[in-house]
Every structure is written in structure tokens, then in C-alpha cells.
Amino acid sequence: MTTLEELGLLKMDFLGLRTLTVIQTAVRLAEKSSGHPISLDEMDYNDKDVLASIGTGRTDGVFQLESAGMKSFMKELRPRAWRT
């Protein structure tokens, strides 16, 4: 199977760019309403409560996790925090 790159084509992820813009806007709005700065670099990506919530499969509105297949997979996977 030949990749796009091998054919000399350029693949661009416009959905990803749009998502980054949405995230940036959401961070700005949250900072404005809370009065506190938010740093995505300092977020805890191993938050056990968030991961437990994802594991319930109730992920409507969560990018990449809202399809029926992903909801089912998250319930089966039951993500948990990495040990550090």
C-alpha cells in the first residue's frame, strides 16, 4: 500500500486545526469567567476522576470519544491513571 507522502501529496488535518481553535477559545473564556489563568501544559492528564468518568461511556461532546463505538470501547477499556 502506498502512502500519500510516497505519492508526493500533502495531507492536511483541517479538523485538527479547527479543534485547536475551539480549545484556545474555550481556555480564554474559562480564564475570563474564572479570573484564573489556565495552562494546558500544567494540566493533570492522569486525573483519576476524569478517567473514571470517561470509563462510564458518557462522553457526549468529548472530541473523538462521542461515537457509539468509542463509548462502548471506553466502557470496556476503563482508562485509569498511569503510575509515575
PDB file of N, CA and C in Angstrom:
ATOM      1  N   MET A   1       0.841  -1.181   0.000  1.00  0.00           N
ATOM      2  CA  MET A   1       0.000   0.000   0.000  1.00  0.00           C
ATOM      3  C   MET A   1       0.888   1.247   0.000  1.00  0.00           C
ATOM      4  N   THR A   2       0.589   2.191  -0.849  1.00  0.00           N
ATOM      5  CA  THR A   2       1.368   3.416  -0.994  1.00  0.00           C
ATOM      6  C   THR A   2       0.771   4.513  -0.126  1.00  0.00           C
ATOM      7  N   THR A   3       1.627   5.248   0.574  1.00  0.00           N
ATOM      8  CA  THR A   3       1.159   6.351   1.412  1.00  0.00           C
ATOM      9  C   THR A   3       1.029   7.624   0.581  1.00  0.00           C
ATOM     10  N   LEU A   4       0.286   8.585   1.126  1.00  0.00           N
ATOM     11  CA  LEU A   4       0.142   9.874   0.453  1.00  0.00           C
ATOM     12  C   LEU A   4       1.488  10.552   0.268  1.00  0.00           C
ATOM     13  N   GLU A   5       2.328  10.436   1.282  1.00  0.00           N
ATOM     14  CA  GLU A   5       3.638  11.061   1.213  1.00  0.00           C
ATOM     15  C   GLU A   5       4.483  10.456   0.092  1.00  0.00           C
ATOM     16  N   GLU A   6       4.394   9.139  -0.089  1.00  0.00           N
ATOM     17  CA  GLU A   6       5.147   8.475  -1.150  1.00  0.00           C
ATOM     18  C   GLU A   6       4.669   8.910  -2.531  1.00  0.00           C
ATOM     19  N   LEU A   7       3.399   9.303  -2.631  1.00  0.00           N
ATOM     20  CA  LEU A   7       2.857   9.796  -3.895  1.00  0.00           C
ATOM     21  C   LEU A   7       3.173  11.266  -4.127  1.00  0.00           C
ATOM     22  N   GLY A   8       3.808  11.895  -3.131  1.00  0.00           N
ATOM     23  CA  GLY A   8       4.149  13.306  -3.252  1.00  0.00           C
ATOM     24  C   GLY A   8       2.989  14.223  -2.902  1.00  0.00           C
ATOM     25  N   LEU A   9       1.989  13.700  -2.207  1.00  0.00           N
ATOM     26  CA  LEU A   9       0.836  14.503  -1.819  1.00  0.00           C
ATOM     27  C   LEU A   9       0.989  14.993  -0.387  1.00  0.00           C
ATOM     28  N   LEU A  10       0.297  16.056  -0.083  1.00  0.00           N
ATOM     29  CA  LEU A  10       0.340  16.646   1.248  1.00  0.00           C
ATOM     30  C   LEU A  10      -0.999  16.408   1.932  1.00  0.00           C
ATOM     31  N   LYS A  11      -0.952  15.824   3.101  1.00  0.00           N
ATOM     32  CA  LYS A  11      -2.167  15.589   3.876  1.00  0.00           C
ATOM     33  C   LYS A  11      -2.264  16.673   4.938  1.00  0.00           C
ATOM     34  N   MET A  12      -3.397  17.362   4.979  1.00  0.00           N
ATOM     35  CA  MET A  12      -3.599  18.423   5.968  1.00  0.00           C
ATOM     36  C   MET A  12      -4.807  18.077   6.823  1.00  0.00           C
ATOM     37  N   ASP A  13      -4.676  18.256   8.124  1.00  0.00           N
ATOM     38  CA  ASP A  13      -5.742  17.943   9.064  1.00  0.00           C
ATOM     39  C   ASP A  13      -6.440  19.237   9.483  1.00  0.00           C
ATOM     40  N   PHE A  14      -7.423  19.657   8.687  1.00  0.00           N
ATOM     41  CA  PHE A  14      -8.122  20.901   8.984  1.00  0.00           C
ATOM     42  C   PHE A  14      -9.037  20.756  10.191  1.00  0.00           C
ATOM     43  N   LEU A  15      -9.590  19.571  10.397  1.00  0.00           N
ATOM     44  CA  LEU A  15     -10.418  19.345  11.573  1.00  0.00           C
ATOM     45  C   LEU A  15      -9.584  19.552  12.831  1.00  0.00           C
ATOM     46  N   GLY A  16      -8.356  19.068  12.825  1.00  0.00           N
ATOM     47  CA  GLY A  16      -7.468  19.258  13.962  1.00  0.00           C
ATOM     48  C   GLY A  16      -7.184  20.722  14.214  1.00  0.00           C
ATOM     49  N   LEU A  17      -6.978  21.498  13.156  1.00  0.00           N
ATOM     50  CA  LEU A  17      -6.725  22.932  13.309  1.00  0.00           C
ATOM     51  C   LEU A  17      -7.946  23.632  13.883  1.00  0.00           C
ATOM     52  N   ARG A  18      -9.125  23.247  13.423  1.00  0.00           N
ATOM     53  CA  ARG A  18     -10.360  23.840  13.939  1.00  0.00           C
ATOM     54  C   ARG A  18     -10.518  23.486  15.412  1.00  0.00           C
ATOM     55  N   THR A  19     -10.214  22.258  15.760  1.00  0.00           N
ATOM     56  CA  THR A  19     -10.322  21.824  17.151  1.00  0.00           C
ATOM     57  C   THR A  19      -9.374  22.616  18.041  1.00  0.00           C
ATOM     58  N   LEU A  20      -8.168  22.870  17.572  1.00  0.00           N
ATOM     59  CA  LEU A  20      -7.222  23.668  18.352  1.00  0.00           C
ATOM     60  C   LEU A  20      -7.748  25.077  18.583  1.00  0.00           C
ATOM     61  N   THR A  21      -8.414  25.644  17.580  1.00  0.00           N
ATOM     62  CA  THR A  21      -9.007  26.968  17.718  1.00  0.00           C
ATOM     63  C   THR A  21     -10.123  26.945  18.745  1.00  0.00           C
ATOM     64  N   VAL A  22     -10.951  25.906  18.724  1.00  0.00           N
ATOM     65  CA  VAL A  22     -12.036  25.766  19.701  1.00  0.00           C
ATOM     66  C   VAL A  22     -11.463  25.648  21.110  1.00  0.00           C
ATOM     67  N   ILE A  23     -10.409  24.858  21.270  1.00  0.00           N
ATOM     68  CA  ILE A  23      -9.773  24.696  22.583  1.00  0.00           C
ATOM     69  C   ILE A  23      -9.214  26.030  23.062  1.00  0.00           C
ATOM     70  N   GLN A  24      -8.546  26.748  22.175  1.00  0.00           N
ATOM     71  CA  GLN A  24      -7.965  28.040  22.531  1.00  0.00           C
ATOM     72  C   GLN A  24      -9.061  29.014  22.974  1.00  0.00           C
ATOM     73  N   THR A  25     -10.171  29.046  22.268  1.00  0.00           N
ATOM     74  CA  THR A  25     -11.290  29.919  22.621  1.00  0.00           C
ATOM     75  C   THR A  25     -11.892  29.512  23.966  1.00  0.00           C
ATOM     76  N   ALA A  26     -12.045  28.206  24.187  1.00  0.00           N
ATOM     77  CA  ALA A  26     -12.602  27.715  25.448  1.00  0.00           C
ATOM     78  C   ALA A  26     -11.703  28.094  26.625  1.00  0.00           C
ATOM     79  N   VAL A  27     -10.402  27.980  26.447  1.00  0.00           N
ATOM     80  CA  VAL A  27      -9.456  28.349  27.518  1.00  0.00           C
ATOM     81  C   VAL A  27      -9.583  29.838  27.827  1.00  0.00           C
ATOM     82  N   ARG A  28      -9.646  30.650  26.802  1.00  0.00           N
ATOM     83  CA  ARG A  28      -9.769  32.103  27.018  1.00  0.00           C
ATOM     84  C   ARG A  28     -11.063  32.440  27.761  1.00  0.00           C
ATOM     85  N   LEU A  29     -12.174  31.810  27.358  1.00  0.00           N
ATOM     86  CA  LEU A  29     -13.457  32.070  28.016  1.00  0.00           C
ATOM     87  C   LEU A  29     -13.447  31.590  29.467  1.00  0.00           C
ATOM     88  N   ALA A  30     -12.844  30.442  29.715  1.00  0.00           N
ATOM     89  CA  ALA A  30     -12.764  29.925  31.082  1.00  0.00           C
ATOM     90  C   ALA A  30     -11.895  30.823  31.947  1.00  0.00           C
ATOM     91  N   GLU A  31     -10.801  31.309  31.394  1.00  0.00           N
ATOM     92  CA  GLU A  31      -9.938  32.223  32.142  1.00  0.00           C
ATOM     93  C   GLU A  31     -10.677  33.516  32.474  1.00  0.00           C
ATOM     94  N   LYS A  32     -11.421  34.016  31.486  1.00  0.00           N
ATOM     95  CA  LYS A  32     -12.153  35.266  31.687  1.00  0.00           C
ATOM     96  C   LYS A  32     -13.238  35.105  32.748  1.00  0.00           C
ATOM     97  N   SER A  33     -13.984  34.005  32.698  1.00  0.00           N
ATOM     98  CA  SER A  33     -15.082  33.828  33.648  1.00  0.00           C
ATOM     99  C   SER A  33     -14.602  33.461  35.048  1.00  0.00           C
ATOM    100  N   SER A  34     -13.476  32.763  35.143  1.00  0.00           N
ATOM    101  CA  SER A  34     -12.983  32.344  36.458  1.00  0.00           C
ATOM    102  C   SER A  34     -12.024  33.362  37.074  1.00  0.00           C
ATOM    103  N   GLY A  35     -11.399  34.163  36.218  1.00  0.00           N
ATOM    104  CA  GLY A  35     -10.402  35.111  36.703  1.00  0.00           C
ATOM    105  C   GLY A  35      -9.066  34.459  37.005  1.00  0.00           C
ATOM    106  N   HIS A  36      -8.905  33.198  36.594  1.00  0.00           N
ATOM    107  CA  HIS A  36      -7.662  32.469  36.852  1.00  0.00           C
ATOM    108  C   HIS A  36      -7.043  32.018  35.533  1.00  0.00           C
ATOM    109  N   PRO A  37      -5.711  32.132  35.403  1.00  0.00           N
ATOM    110  CA  PRO A  37      -5.062  31.640  34.184  1.00  0.00           C
ATOM    111  C   PRO A  37      -5.113  30.110  34.117  1.00  0.00           C
ATOM    112  N   ILE A  38      -5.191  29.590  32.903  1.00  0.00           N
ATOM    113  CA  ILE A  38      -5.218  28.143  32.679  1.00  0.00           C
ATOM    114  C   ILE A  38      -4.036  27.786  31.787  1.00  0.00           C
ATOM    115  N   SER A  39      -3.256  26.811  32.214  1.00  0.00           N
ATOM    116  CA  SER A  39      -2.120  26.353  31.423  1.00  0.00           C
ATOM    117  C   SER A  39      -2.350  24.895  31.026  1.00  0.00           C
ATOM    118  N   LEU A  40      -2.503  24.647  29.737  1.00  0.00           N
ATOM    119  CA  LEU A  40      -2.685  23.276  29.269  1.00  0.00           C
ATOM    120  C   LEU A  40      -1.433  22.445  29.520  1.00  0.00           C
ATOM    121  N   ASP A  41      -0.277  23.102  29.604  1.00  0.00           N
ATOM    122  CA  ASP A  41       0.977  22.393  29.877  1.00  0.00           C
ATOM    123  C   ASP A  41       1.038  21.866  31.308  1.00  0.00           C
ATOM    124  N   GLU A  42       0.278  22.473  32.199  1.00  0.00           N
ATOM    125  CA  GLU A  42       0.311  22.085  33.607  1.00  0.00           C
ATOM    126  C   GLU A  42      -0.896  21.242  34.024  1.00  0.00           C
ATOM    127  N   MET A  43      -1.734  20.859  33.068  1.00  0.00           N
ATOM    128  CA  MET A  43      -2.913  20.061  33.393  1.00  0.00           C
ATOM    129  C   MET A  43      -2.517  18.647  33.797  1.00  0.00           C
ATOM    130  N   ASP A  44      -3.298  18.070  34.692  1.00  0.00           N
ATOM    131  CA  ASP A  44      -3.075  16.695  35.134  1.00  0.00           C
ATOM    132  C   ASP A  44      -3.833  15.756  34.188  1.00  0.00           C
ATOM    133  N   TYR A  45      -3.121  15.130  33.280  1.00  0.00           N
ATOM    134  CA  TYR A  45      -3.749  14.227  32.319  1.00  0.00           C
ATOM    135  C   TYR A  45      -3.959  12.836  32.911  1.00  0.00           C
ATOM    136  N   ASN A  46      -3.625  12.665  34.176  1.00  0.00           N
ATOM    137  CA  ASN A  46      -3.848  11.409  34.878  1.00  0.00           C
ATOM    138  C   ASN A  46      -4.902  11.570  35.974  1.00  0.00           C
ATOM    139  N   ASP A  47      -5.793  12.540  35.821  1.00  0.00           N
ATOM    140  CA  ASP A  47      -6.831  12.787  36.822  1.00  0.00           C
ATOM    141  C   ASP A  47      -7.763  11.581  36.905  1.00  0.00           C
ATOM    142  N   LYS A  48      -7.711  10.885  38.035  1.00  0.00           N
ATOM    143  CA  LYS A  48      -8.456   9.628  38.173  1.00  0.00           C
ATOM    144  C   LYS A  48      -9.959   9.827  38.046  1.00  0.00           C
ATOM    145  N   ASP A  49     -10.483  10.967  38.505  1.00  0.00           N
ATOM    146  CA  ASP A  49     -11.923  11.205  38.401  1.00  0.00           C
ATOM    147  C   ASP A  49     -12.354  11.416  36.948  1.00  0.00           C
ATOM    148  N   VAL A  50     -11.541  12.138  36.192  1.00  0.00           N
ATOM    149  CA  VAL A  50     -11.843  12.355  34.776  1.00  0.00           C
ATOM    150  C   VAL A  50     -11.777  11.031  34.016  1.00  0.00           C
ATOM    151  N   LEU A  51     -10.729  10.263  34.260  1.00  0.00           N
ATOM    152  CA  LEU A  51     -10.583   8.979  33.573  1.00  0.00           C
ATOM    153  C   LEU A  51     -11.710   8.017  33.949  1.00  0.00           C
ATOM    154  N   ALA A  52     -12.128   8.022  35.212  1.00  0.00           N
ATOM    155  CA  ALA A  52     -13.245   7.179  35.635  1.00  0.00           C
ATOM    156  C   ALA A  52     -14.526   7.607  34.928  1.00  0.00           C
ATOM    157  N   SER A  53     -14.710   8.898  34.764  1.00  0.00           N
ATOM    158  CA  SER A  53     -15.889   9.411  34.059  1.00  0.00           C
ATOM    159  C   SER A  53     -15.890   8.969  32.597  1.00  0.00           C
ATOM    160  N   ILE A  54     -14.739   9.044  31.956  1.00  0.00           N
ATOM    161  CA  ILE A  54     -14.630   8.582  30.566  1.00  0.00           C
ATOM    162  C   ILE A  54     -14.964   7.097  30.492  1.00  0.00           C
ATOM    163  N   GLY A  55     -14.546   6.336  31.485  1.00  0.00           N
ATOM    164  CA  GLY A  55     -14.795   4.898  31.518  1.00  0.00           C
ATOM    165  C   GLY A  55     -16.251   4.512  31.659  1.00  0.00           C
ATOM    166  N   THR A  56     -17.111   5.477  31.984  1.00  0.00           N
ATOM    167  CA  THR A  56     -18.551   5.186  32.054  1.00  0.00           C
ATOM    168  C   THR A  56     -19.184   5.172  30.674  1.00  0.00           C
ATOM    169  N   GLY A  57     -18.465   5.732  29.693  1.00  0.00           N
ATOM    170  CA  GLY A  57     -19.013   5.807  28.342  1.00  0.00           C
ATOM    171  C   GLY A  57     -19.925   6.991  28.127  1.00  0.00           C
ATOM    172  N   ARG A  58     -20.108   7.818  29.132  1.00  0.00           N
ATOM    173  CA  ARG A  58     -20.944   9.025  28.977  1.00  0.00           C
ATOM    174  C   ARG A  58     -20.051  10.154  28.476  1.00  0.00           C
ATOM    175  N   THR A  59     -19.757  10.128  27.177  1.00  0.00           N
ATOM    176  CA  THR A  59     -18.787  11.053  26.602  1.00  0.00           C
ATOM    177  C   THR A  59     -19.375  11.899  25.477  1.00  0.00           C
ATOM    178  N   ASP A  60     -20.675  12.185  25.548  1.00  0.00           N
ATOM    179  CA  ASP A  60     -21.267  13.087  24.551  1.00  0.00           C
ATOM    180  C   ASP A  60     -20.536  14.420  24.583  1.00  0.00           C
ATOM    181  N   GLY A  61     -20.159  14.916  23.418  1.00  0.00           N
ATOM    182  CA  GLY A  61     -19.476  16.192  23.324  1.00  0.00           C
ATOM    183  C   GLY A  61     -17.981  16.133  23.553  1.00  0.00           C
ATOM    184  N   VAL A  62     -17.434  14.946  23.811  1.00  0.00           N
ATOM    185  CA  VAL A  62     -15.987  14.813  24.001  1.00  0.00           C
ATOM    186  C   VAL A  62     -15.379  14.399  22.658  1.00  0.00           C
ATOM    187  N   PHE A  63     -14.557  15.269  22.090  1.00  0.00           N
ATOM    188  CA  PHE A  63     -13.979  15.030  20.772  1.00  0.00           C
ATOM    189  C   PHE A  63     -13.293  13.670  20.721  1.00  0.00           C
ATOM    190  N   GLN A  64     -13.589  12.925  19.687  1.00  0.00           N
ATOM    191  CA  GLN A  64     -13.036  11.596  19.410  1.00  0.00           C
ATOM    192  C   GLN A  64     -13.616  10.495  20.300  1.00  0.00           C
ATOM    193  N   LEU A  65     -14.444  10.826  21.284  1.00  0.00           N
ATOM    194  CA  LEU A  65     -14.988   9.800  22.177  1.00  0.00           C
ATOM    195  C   LEU A  65     -16.515   9.763  22.180  1.00  0.00           C
ATOM    196  N   GLU A  66     -17.168  10.493  21.252  1.00  0.00           N
ATOM    197  CA  GLU A  66     -18.614  10.576  21.326  1.00  0.00           C
ATOM    198  C   GLU A  66     -19.368   9.604  20.423  1.00  0.00           C
ATOM    199  N   SER A  67     -18.673   8.857  19.580  1.00  0.00           N
ATOM    200  CA  SER A  67     -19.374   7.880  18.739  1.00  0.00           C
ATOM    201  C   SER A  67     -19.773   6.671  19.587  1.00  0.00           C
ATOM    202  N   ALA A  68     -20.776   5.934  19.129  1.00  0.00           N
ATOM    203  CA  ALA A  68     -21.249   4.753  19.861  1.00  0.00           C
ATOM    204  C   ALA A  68     -20.118   3.738  20.048  1.00  0.00           C
ATOM    205  N   GLY A  69     -19.296   3.565  19.018  1.00  0.00           N
ATOM    206  CA  GLY A  69     -18.192   2.613  19.099  1.00  0.00           C
ATOM    207  C   GLY A  69     -17.165   3.000  20.145  1.00  0.00           C
ATOM    208  N   MET A  70     -16.823   4.298  20.189  1.00  0.00           N
ATOM    209  CA  MET A  70     -15.837   4.754  21.168  1.00  0.00           C
ATOM    210  C   MET A  70     -16.407   4.714  22.580  1.00  0.00           C
ATOM    211  N   LYS A  71     -17.696   5.028  22.734  1.00  0.00           N
ATOM    212  CA  LYS A  71     -18.317   4.937  24.062  1.00  0.00           C
ATOM    213  C   LYS A  71     -18.241   3.506  24.579  1.00  0.00           C
ATOM    214  N   SER A  72     -18.567   2.569  23.707  1.00  0.00           N
ATOM    215  CA  SER A  72     -18.512   1.161  24.081  1.00  0.00           C
ATOM    216  C   SER A  72     -17.084   0.748  24.425  1.00  0.00           C
ATOM    217  N   PHE A  73     -16.132   1.193  23.616  1.00  0.00           N
ATOM    218  CA  PHE A  73     -14.730   0.853  23.855  1.00  0.00           C
ATOM    219  C   PHE A  73     -14.232   1.443  25.172  1.00  0.00           C
ATOM    220  N   MET A  74     -14.628   2.681  25.483  1.00  0.00           N
ATOM    221  CA  MET A  74     -14.187   3.305  26.730  1.00  0.00           C
ATOM    222  C   MET A  74     -14.751   2.558  27.939  1.00  0.00           C
ATOM    223  N   LYS A  75     -15.998   2.071  27.828  1.00  0.00           N
ATOM    224  CA  LYS A  75     -16.578   1.290  28.928  1.00  0.00           C
ATOM    225  C   LYS A  75     -15.811  -0.011  29.122  1.00  0.00           C
ATOM    226  N   GLU A  76     -15.385  -0.604  28.014  1.00  0.00           N
ATOM    227  CA  GLU A  76     -14.611  -1.845  28.089  1.00  0.00           C
ATOM    228  C   GLU A  76     -13.184  -1.585  28.578  1.00  0.00           C
ATOM    229  N   LEU A  77     -12.578  -0.532  28.077  1.00  0.00           N
ATOM    230  CA  LEU A  77     -11.192  -0.202  28.417  1.00  0.00           C
ATOM    231  C   LEU A  77     -11.050   0.272  29.873  1.00  0.00           C
ATOM    232  N   ARG A  78     -12.013   1.057  30.341  1.00  0.00           N
ATOM    233  CA  ARG A  78     -11.967   1.650  31.684  1.00  0.00           C
ATOM    234  C   ARG A  78     -10.602   2.298  31.943  1.00  0.00           C
ATOM    235  N   PRO A  79     -10.310   3.412  31.252  1.00  0.00           N
ATOM    236  CA  PRO A  79      -8.983   4.035  31.389  1.00  0.00           C
ATOM    237  C   PRO A  79      -8.697   4.432  32.833  1.00  0.00           C
ATOM    238  N   ARG A  80      -7.439   4.358  33.177  1.00  0.00           N
ATOM    239  CA  ARG A  80      -7.007   4.722  34.523  1.00  0.00           C
ATOM    240  C   ARG A  80      -5.672   5.451  34.420  1.00  0.00           C
ATOM    241  N   ALA A  81      -5.290   6.096  35.495  1.00  0.00           N
ATOM    242  CA  ALA A  81      -4.069   6.903  35.517  1.00  0.00           C
ATOM    243  C   ALA A  81      -2.831   6.026  35.383  1.00  0.00           C
ATOM    244  N   TRP A  82      -1.822   6.591  34.738  1.00  0.00           N
ATOM    245  CA  TRP A  82      -0.512   5.941  34.665  1.00  0.00           C
ATOM    246  C   TRP A  82       0.173   6.123  35.985  1.00  0.00           C
ATOM    247  N   ARG A  83       0.936   5.171  36.370  1.00  0.00           N
ATOM    248  CA  ARG A  83       1.744   5.313  37.592  1.00  0.00           C
ATOM    249  C   ARG A  83       2.985   6.095  37.249  1.00  0.00           C
ATOM    250  N   THR A  84       3.340   7.026  38.112  1.00  0.00           N
ATOM    251  CA  THR A  84       4.540   7.846  37.853  1.00  0.00           C
ATOM    252  C   THR A  84       5.607   7.567  38.876  1.00  0.00           C
TER     253      THR A  84
END
